[in-house]
């Protein structure tokens, strides 16, 4: 069985936090861009922004959960 190091756990936690932060930034960007008068389709921008937020947030939480699992296994 492969031994889990403290560095691997910290890296997974930081990577999870990174993806959650990116998801928050994408969401704020989408909200702000729709408040401004845009020439692009607002529905399309909202769809892509919401989809990106959900995917990036899920990735962040999955990676963060993996770090917590590795902590408990140690």
PDB file of N, CA and C in Angstrom:
ATOM      1  N   UNK A   1       0.840  -1.177   0.000  1.00  0.00           N
ATOM      2  CA  UNK A   1       0.000   0.000   0.000  1.00  0.00           C
ATOM      3  C   UNK A   1       0.884   1.238   0.000  1.00  0.00           C
ATOM      4  N   UNK A   2       0.507   2.191  -0.788  1.00  0.00           N
ATOM      5  CA  UNK A   2       1.287   3.417  -0.941  1.00  0.00           C
ATOM      6  C   UNK A   2       1.089   4.329   0.267  1.00  0.00           C
ATOM      7  N   UNK A   3       2.185   4.829   0.812  1.00  0.00           N
ATOM      8  CA  UNK A   3       2.102   5.708   1.980  1.00  0.00           C
ATOM      9  C   UNK A   3       1.786   7.140   1.523  1.00  0.00           C
ATOM     10  N   UNK A   4       0.854   7.755   2.214  1.00  0.00           N
ATOM     11  CA  UNK A   4       0.430   9.115   1.904  1.00  0.00           C
ATOM     12  C   UNK A   4       1.242  10.074   2.768  1.00  0.00           C
ATOM     13  N   UNK A   5       1.839  11.063   2.114  1.00  0.00           N
ATOM     14  CA  UNK A   5       2.644  12.032   2.852  1.00  0.00           C
ATOM     15  C   UNK A   5       1.829  13.284   3.154  1.00  0.00           C
ATOM     16  N   UNK A   6       2.310  14.027   4.107  1.00  0.00           N
ATOM     17  CA  UNK A   6       1.653  15.287   4.485  1.00  0.00           C
ATOM     18  C   UNK A   6       1.654  16.264   3.315  1.00  0.00           C
ATOM     19  N   UNK A   7       2.721  16.259   2.521  1.00  0.00           N
ATOM     20  CA  UNK A   7       2.802  17.161   1.368  1.00  0.00           C
ATOM     21  C   UNK A   7       1.703  16.875   0.346  1.00  0.00           C
ATOM     22  N   UNK A   8       1.390  15.597   0.115  1.00  0.00           N
ATOM     23  CA  UNK A   8       0.338  15.248  -0.834  1.00  0.00           C
ATOM     24  C   UNK A   8      -1.018  15.752  -0.349  1.00  0.00           C
ATOM     25  N   UNK A   9      -1.252  15.662   0.945  1.00  0.00           N
ATOM     26  CA  UNK A   9      -2.519  16.128   1.504  1.00  0.00           C
ATOM     27  C   UNK A   9      -2.641  17.639   1.357  1.00  0.00           C
ATOM     28  N   UNK A  10      -1.568  18.355   1.651  1.00  0.00           N
ATOM     29  CA  UNK A  10      -1.585  19.822   1.554  1.00  0.00           C
ATOM     30  C   UNK A  10      -1.790  20.250   0.102  1.00  0.00           C
ATOM     31  N   UNK A  11      -1.147  19.578  -0.817  1.00  0.00           N
ATOM     32  CA  UNK A  11      -1.296  19.909  -2.236  1.00  0.00           C
ATOM     33  C   UNK A  11      -2.739  19.702  -2.677  1.00  0.00           C
ATOM     34  N   UNK A  12      -3.359  18.597  -2.275  1.00  0.00           N
ATOM     35  CA  UNK A  12      -4.757  18.346  -2.640  1.00  0.00           C
ATOM     36  C   UNK A  12      -5.683  19.396  -2.038  1.00  0.00           C
ATOM     37  N   UNK A  13      -5.437  19.807  -0.800  1.00  0.00           N
ATOM     38  CA  UNK A  13      -6.266  20.840  -0.190  1.00  0.00           C
ATOM     39  C   UNK A  13      -6.130  22.164  -0.935  1.00  0.00           C
ATOM     40  N   UNK A  14      -4.897  22.540  -1.269  1.00  0.00           N
ATOM     41  CA  UNK A  14      -4.675  23.803  -1.989  1.00  0.00           C
ATOM     42  C   UNK A  14      -5.284  23.750  -3.379  1.00  0.00           C
ATOM     43  N   UNK A  15      -5.175  22.605  -4.061  1.00  0.00           N
ATOM     44  CA  UNK A  15      -5.749  22.468  -5.397  1.00  0.00           C
ATOM     45  C   UNK A  15      -7.272  22.547  -5.339  1.00  0.00           C
ATOM     46  N   UNK A  16      -7.870  21.943  -4.329  1.00  0.00           N
ATOM     47  CA  UNK A  16      -9.318  22.040  -4.147  1.00  0.00           C
ATOM     48  C   UNK A  16      -9.748  23.466  -3.905  1.00  0.00           C
ATOM     49  N   UNK A  17      -9.010  24.172  -3.040  1.00  0.00           N
ATOM     50  CA  UNK A  17      -9.318  25.586  -2.785  1.00  0.00           C
ATOM     51  C   UNK A  17      -9.188  26.418  -4.055  1.00  0.00           C
ATOM     52  N   UNK A  18      -8.191  26.110  -4.870  1.00  0.00           N
ATOM     53  CA  UNK A  18      -7.968  26.834  -6.117  1.00  0.00           C
ATOM     54  C   UNK A  18      -9.177  26.711  -7.042  1.00  0.00           C
ATOM     55  N   UNK A  19      -9.675  25.477  -7.233  1.00  0.00           N
ATOM     56  CA  UNK A  19     -10.809  25.279  -8.130  1.00  0.00           C
ATOM     57  C   UNK A  19     -12.080  25.941  -7.593  1.00  0.00           C
ATOM     58  N   UNK A  20     -12.277  25.926  -6.292  1.00  0.00           N
ATOM     59  CA  UNK A  20     -13.439  26.592  -5.712  1.00  0.00           C
ATOM     60  C   UNK A  20     -13.333  28.103  -5.914  1.00  0.00           C
ATOM     61  N   UNK A  21     -12.127  28.654  -5.735  1.00  0.00           N
ATOM     62  CA  UNK A  21     -11.932  30.089  -5.967  1.00  0.00           C
ATOM     63  C   UNK A  21     -12.167  30.462  -7.425  1.00  0.00           C
ATOM     64  N   UNK A  22     -11.695  29.636  -8.348  1.00  0.00           N
ATOM     65  CA  UNK A  22     -11.923  29.899  -9.772  1.00  0.00           C
ATOM     66  C   UNK A  22     -13.417  29.855 -10.074  1.00  0.00           C
ATOM     67  N   UNK A  23     -14.133  28.907  -9.477  1.00  0.00           N
ATOM     68  CA  UNK A  23     -15.579  28.823  -9.688  1.00  0.00           C
ATOM     69  C   UNK A  23     -16.268  30.090  -9.206  1.00  0.00           C
ATOM     70  N   UNK A  24     -15.846  30.611  -8.059  1.00  0.00           N
ATOM     71  CA  UNK A  24     -16.440  31.849  -7.544  1.00  0.00           C
ATOM     72  C   UNK A  24     -16.144  33.018  -8.485  1.00  0.00           C
ATOM     73  N   UNK A  25     -14.928  33.093  -8.994  1.00  0.00           N
ATOM     74  CA  UNK A  25     -14.574  34.178  -9.909  1.00  0.00           C
ATOM     75  C   UNK A  25     -15.369  34.094 -11.203  1.00  0.00           C
ATOM     76  N   UNK A  26     -15.552  32.907 -11.731  1.00  0.00           N
ATOM     77  CA  UNK A  26     -16.339  32.744 -12.955  1.00  0.00           C
ATOM     78  C   UNK A  26     -17.780  33.181 -12.704  1.00  0.00           C
ATOM     79  N   UNK A  27     -18.349  32.780 -11.569  1.00  0.00           N
ATOM     80  CA  UNK A  27     -19.721  33.155 -11.253  1.00  0.00           C
ATOM     81  C   UNK A  27     -19.865  34.672 -11.158  1.00  0.00           C
ATOM     82  N   UNK A  28     -18.951  35.319 -10.460  1.00  0.00           N
ATOM     83  CA  UNK A  28     -19.008  36.781 -10.333  1.00  0.00           C
ATOM     84  C   UNK A  28     -18.845  37.436 -11.698  1.00  0.00           C
ATOM     85  N   UNK A  29     -17.954  36.911 -12.518  1.00  0.00           N
ATOM     86  CA  UNK A  29     -17.758  37.453 -13.865  1.00  0.00           C
ATOM     87  C   UNK A  29     -19.016  37.341 -14.705  1.00  0.00           C
ATOM     88  N   UNK A  30     -19.713  36.231 -14.587  1.00  0.00           N
ATOM     89  CA  UNK A  30     -20.939  36.037 -15.358  1.00  0.00           C
ATOM     90  C   UNK A  30     -22.021  36.999 -14.879  1.00  0.00           C
ATOM     91  N   UNK A  31     -22.165  37.124 -13.572  1.00  0.00           N
ATOM     92  CA  UNK A  31     -23.183  38.026 -13.032  1.00  0.00           C
ATOM     93  C   UNK A  31     -22.898  39.463 -13.443  1.00  0.00           C
ATOM     94  N   UNK A  32     -21.655  39.887 -13.315  1.00  0.00           N
ATOM     95  CA  UNK A  32     -21.311  41.259 -13.688  1.00  0.00           C
ATOM     96  C   UNK A  32     -21.465  41.501 -15.180  1.00  0.00           C
ATOM     97  N   UNK A  33     -21.106  40.505 -15.995  1.00  0.00           N
ATOM     98  CA  UNK A  33     -21.212  40.700 -17.443  1.00  0.00           C
ATOM     99  C   UNK A  33     -22.669  40.780 -17.889  1.00  0.00           C
ATOM    100  N   UNK A  34     -23.562  40.086 -17.196  1.00  0.00           N
ATOM    101  CA  UNK A  34     -24.969  40.174 -17.584  1.00  0.00           C
ATOM    102  C   UNK A  34     -25.611  41.465 -17.102  1.00  0.00           C
ATOM    103  N   UNK A  35     -25.046  42.061 -16.063  1.00  0.00           N
ATOM    104  CA  UNK A  35     -25.577  43.347 -15.615  1.00  0.00           C
ATOM    105  C   UNK A  35     -25.237  44.469 -16.590  1.00  0.00           C
ATOM    106  N   UNK A  36     -24.136  44.313 -17.291  1.00  0.00           N
ATOM    107  CA  UNK A  36     -23.744  45.300 -18.297  1.00  0.00           C
ATOM    108  C   UNK A  36     -24.495  45.010 -19.592  1.00  0.00           C
ATOM    109  N   UNK A  37     -24.622  46.018 -20.416  1.00  0.00           N
ATOM    110  CA  UNK A  37     -25.291  45.819 -21.697  1.00  0.00           C
ATOM    111  C   UNK A  37     -24.337  45.112 -22.648  1.00  0.00           C
ATOM    112  N   UNK A  38     -24.666  43.886 -22.997  1.00  0.00           N
ATOM    113  CA  UNK A  38     -23.809  43.081 -23.869  1.00  0.00           C
ATOM    114  C   UNK A  38     -24.471  42.903 -25.224  1.00  0.00           C
ATOM    115  N   UNK A  39     -23.648  42.729 -26.241  1.00  0.00           N
ATOM    116  CA  UNK A  39     -24.165  42.452 -27.575  1.00  0.00           C
ATOM    117  C   UNK A  39     -24.398  40.954 -27.759  1.00  0.00           C
ATOM    118  N   UNK A  40     -23.718  40.135 -26.968  1.00  0.00           N
ATOM    119  CA  UNK A  40     -23.848  38.681 -27.063  1.00  0.00           C
ATOM    120  C   UNK A  40     -25.164  38.227 -26.433  1.00  0.00           C
ATOM    121  N   UNK A  41     -25.528  37.006 -26.701  1.00  0.00           N
ATOM    122  CA  UNK A  41     -26.738  36.428 -26.126  1.00  0.00           C
ATOM    123  C   UNK A  41     -26.544  36.226 -24.626  1.00  0.00           C
ATOM    124  N   UNK A  42     -27.389  36.866 -23.832  1.00  0.00           N
ATOM    125  CA  UNK A  42     -27.249  36.765 -22.375  1.00  0.00           C
ATOM    126  C   UNK A  42     -27.541  35.350 -21.891  1.00  0.00           C
ATOM    127  N   UNK A  43     -28.462  34.671 -22.515  1.00  0.00           N
ATOM    128  CA  UNK A  43     -28.785  33.302 -22.126  1.00  0.00           C
ATOM    129  C   UNK A  43     -27.600  32.367 -22.304  1.00  0.00           C
ATOM    130  N   UNK A  44     -26.899  32.526 -23.423  1.00  0.00           N
ATOM    131  CA  UNK A  44     -25.733  31.682 -23.692  1.00  0.00           C
ATOM    132  C   UNK A  44     -24.625  31.953 -22.676  1.00  0.00           C
ATOM    133  N   UNK A  45     -24.387  33.216 -22.384  1.00  0.00           N
ATOM    134  CA  UNK A  45     -23.345  33.579 -21.423  1.00  0.00           C
ATOM    135  C   UNK A  45     -23.697  33.048 -20.036  1.00  0.00           C
ATOM    136  N   UNK A  46     -24.963  33.176 -19.636  1.00  0.00           N
ATOM    137  CA  UNK A  46     -25.387  32.651 -18.342  1.00  0.00           C
ATOM    138  C   UNK A  46     -25.267  31.136 -18.277  1.00  0.00           C
ATOM    139  N   UNK A  47     -25.612  30.454 -19.365  1.00  0.00           N
ATOM    140  CA  UNK A  47     -25.494  29.000 -19.398  1.00  0.00           C
ATOM    141  C   UNK A  47     -24.044  28.559 -19.259  1.00  0.00           C
ATOM    142  N   UNK A  48     -23.162  29.128 -20.051  1.00  0.00           N
ATOM    143  CA  UNK A  48     -21.739  28.759 -20.000  1.00  0.00           C
ATOM    144  C   UNK A  48     -21.143  29.111 -18.637  1.00  0.00           C
ATOM    145  N   UNK A  49     -21.477  30.264 -18.114  1.00  0.00           N
ATOM    146  CA  UNK A  49     -20.959  30.675 -16.812  1.00  0.00           C
ATOM    147  C   UNK A  49     -21.442  29.784 -15.681  1.00  0.00           C
ATOM    148  N   UNK A  50     -22.727  29.452 -15.705  1.00  0.00           N
ATOM    149  CA  UNK A  50     -23.275  28.576 -14.671  1.00  0.00           C
ATOM    150  C   UNK A  50     -22.679  27.178 -14.778  1.00  0.00           C
ATOM    151  N   UNK A  51     -22.574  26.672 -15.980  1.00  0.00           N
ATOM    152  CA  UNK A  51     -21.982  25.353 -16.200  1.00  0.00           C
ATOM    153  C   UNK A  51     -20.532  25.324 -15.716  1.00  0.00           C
ATOM    154  N   UNK A  52     -19.759  26.352 -16.060  1.00  0.00           N
ATOM    155  CA  UNK A  52     -18.360  26.427 -15.632  1.00  0.00           C
ATOM    156  C   UNK A  52     -18.255  26.503 -14.112  1.00  0.00           C
ATOM    157  N   UNK A  53     -19.130  27.272 -13.495  1.00  0.00           N
ATOM    158  CA  UNK A  53     -19.116  27.394 -12.043  1.00  0.00           C
ATOM    159  C   UNK A  53     -19.387  26.049 -11.380  1.00  0.00           C
ATOM    160  N   UNK A  54     -20.384  25.342 -11.879  1.00  0.00           N
ATOM    161  CA  UNK A  54     -20.726  24.042 -11.294  1.00  0.00           C
ATOM    162  C   UNK A  54     -19.581  23.039 -11.480  1.00  0.00           C
ATOM    163  N   UNK A  55     -19.025  22.984 -12.679  1.00  0.00           N
ATOM    164  CA  UNK A  55     -17.945  22.024 -12.948  1.00  0.00           C
ATOM    165  C   UNK A  55     -16.710  22.339 -12.108  1.00  0.00           C
ATOM    166  N   UNK A  56     -16.282  23.599 -12.094  1.00  0.00           N
ATOM    167  CA  UNK A  56     -15.085  23.960 -11.329  1.00  0.00           C
ATOM    168  C   UNK A  56     -15.305  23.797  -9.826  1.00  0.00           C
ATOM    169  N   UNK A  57     -16.482  24.155  -9.359  1.00  0.00           N
ATOM    170  CA  UNK A  57     -16.788  23.968  -7.938  1.00  0.00           C
ATOM    171  C   UNK A  57     -16.790  22.501  -7.557  1.00  0.00           C
ATOM    172  N   UNK A  58     -17.394  21.667  -8.403  1.00  0.00           N
ATOM    173  CA  UNK A  58     -17.417  20.226  -8.135  1.00  0.00           C
ATOM    174  C   UNK A  58     -16.009  19.656  -8.124  1.00  0.00           C
ATOM    175  N   UNK A  59     -15.179  20.073  -9.083  1.00  0.00           N
ATOM    176  CA  UNK A  59     -13.790  19.603  -9.103  1.00  0.00           C
ATOM    177  C   UNK A  59     -13.068  19.998  -7.822  1.00  0.00           C
ATOM    178  N   UNK A  60     -13.277  21.220  -7.377  1.00  0.00           N
ATOM    179  CA  UNK A  60     -12.624  21.683  -6.152  1.00  0.00           C
ATOM    180  C   UNK A  60     -13.054  20.884  -4.945  1.00  0.00           C
ATOM    181  N   UNK A  61     -14.359  20.636  -4.821  1.00  0.00           N
ATOM    182  CA  UNK A  61     -14.847  19.882  -3.672  1.00  0.00           C
ATOM    183  C   UNK A  61     -14.428  18.419  -3.722  1.00  0.00           C
ATOM    184  N   UNK A  62     -14.366  17.835  -4.910  1.00  0.00           N
ATOM    185  CA  UNK A  62     -13.915  16.444  -5.040  1.00  0.00           C
ATOM    186  C   UNK A  62     -12.457  16.324  -4.622  1.00  0.00           C
ATOM    187  N   UNK A  63     -11.623  17.239  -5.092  1.00  0.00           N
ATOM    188  CA  UNK A  63     -10.205  17.199  -4.738  1.00  0.00           C
ATOM    189  C   UNK A  63     -10.018  17.473  -3.255  1.00  0.00           C
ATOM    190  N   UNK A  64     -10.780  18.407  -2.717  1.00  0.00           N
ATOM    191  CA  UNK A  64     -10.683  18.719  -1.291  1.00  0.00           C
ATOM    192  C   UNK A  64     -11.140  17.531  -0.445  1.00  0.00           C
ATOM    193  N   UNK A  65     -12.194  16.855  -0.888  1.00  0.00           N
ATOM    194  CA  UNK A  65     -12.676  15.668  -0.180  1.00  0.00           C
ATOM    195  C   UNK A  65     -11.632  14.551  -0.231  1.00  0.00           C
ATOM    196  N   UNK A  66     -10.942  14.441  -1.352  1.00  0.00           N
ATOM    197  CA  UNK A  66      -9.883  13.429  -1.468  1.00  0.00           C
ATOM    198  C   UNK A  66      -8.772  13.714  -0.461  1.00  0.00           C
ATOM    199  N   UNK A  67      -8.442  14.980  -0.270  1.00  0.00           N
ATOM    200  CA  UNK A  67      -7.411  15.342   0.710  1.00  0.00           C
ATOM    201  C   UNK A  67      -7.865  14.973   2.118  1.00  0.00           C
ATOM    202  N   UNK A  68      -9.133  15.226   2.435  1.00  0.00           N
ATOM    203  CA  UNK A  68      -9.642  14.853   3.746  1.00  0.00           C
ATOM    204  C   UNK A  68      -9.680  13.337   3.930  1.00  0.00           C
ATOM    205  N   UNK A  69      -9.985  12.598   2.876  1.00  0.00           N
ATOM    206  CA  UNK A  69      -9.967  11.141   2.943  1.00  0.00           C
ATOM    207  C   UNK A  69      -8.557  10.641   3.220  1.00  0.00           C
ATOM    208  N   UNK A  70      -7.577  11.258   2.552  1.00  0.00           N
ATOM    209  CA  UNK A  70      -6.192  10.849   2.756  1.00  0.00           C
ATOM    210  C   UNK A  70      -5.724  11.161   4.172  1.00  0.00           C
ATOM    211  N   UNK A  71      -6.224  12.261   4.742  1.00  0.00           N
ATOM    212  CA  UNK A  71      -5.888  12.597   6.133  1.00  0.00           C
ATOM    213  C   UNK A  71      -6.402  11.529   7.091  1.00  0.00           C
ATOM    214  N   UNK A  72      -7.636  11.120   6.878  1.00  0.00           N
ATOM    215  CA  UNK A  72      -8.237  10.135   7.778  1.00  0.00           C
ATOM    216  C   UNK A  72      -7.563   8.784   7.635  1.00  0.00           C
ATOM    217  N   UNK A  73      -7.111   8.453   6.434  1.00  0.00           N
ATOM    218  CA  UNK A  73      -6.477   7.158   6.169  1.00  0.00           C
ATOM    219  C   UNK A  73      -5.085   7.084   6.789  1.00  0.00           C
ATOM    220  N   UNK A  74      -4.464   8.198   6.979  1.00  0.00           N
ATOM    221  CA  UNK A  74      -3.095   8.258   7.473  1.00  0.00           C
ATOM    222  C   UNK A  74      -2.946   7.808   8.861  1.00  0.00           C
TER     223      UNK A  74
END
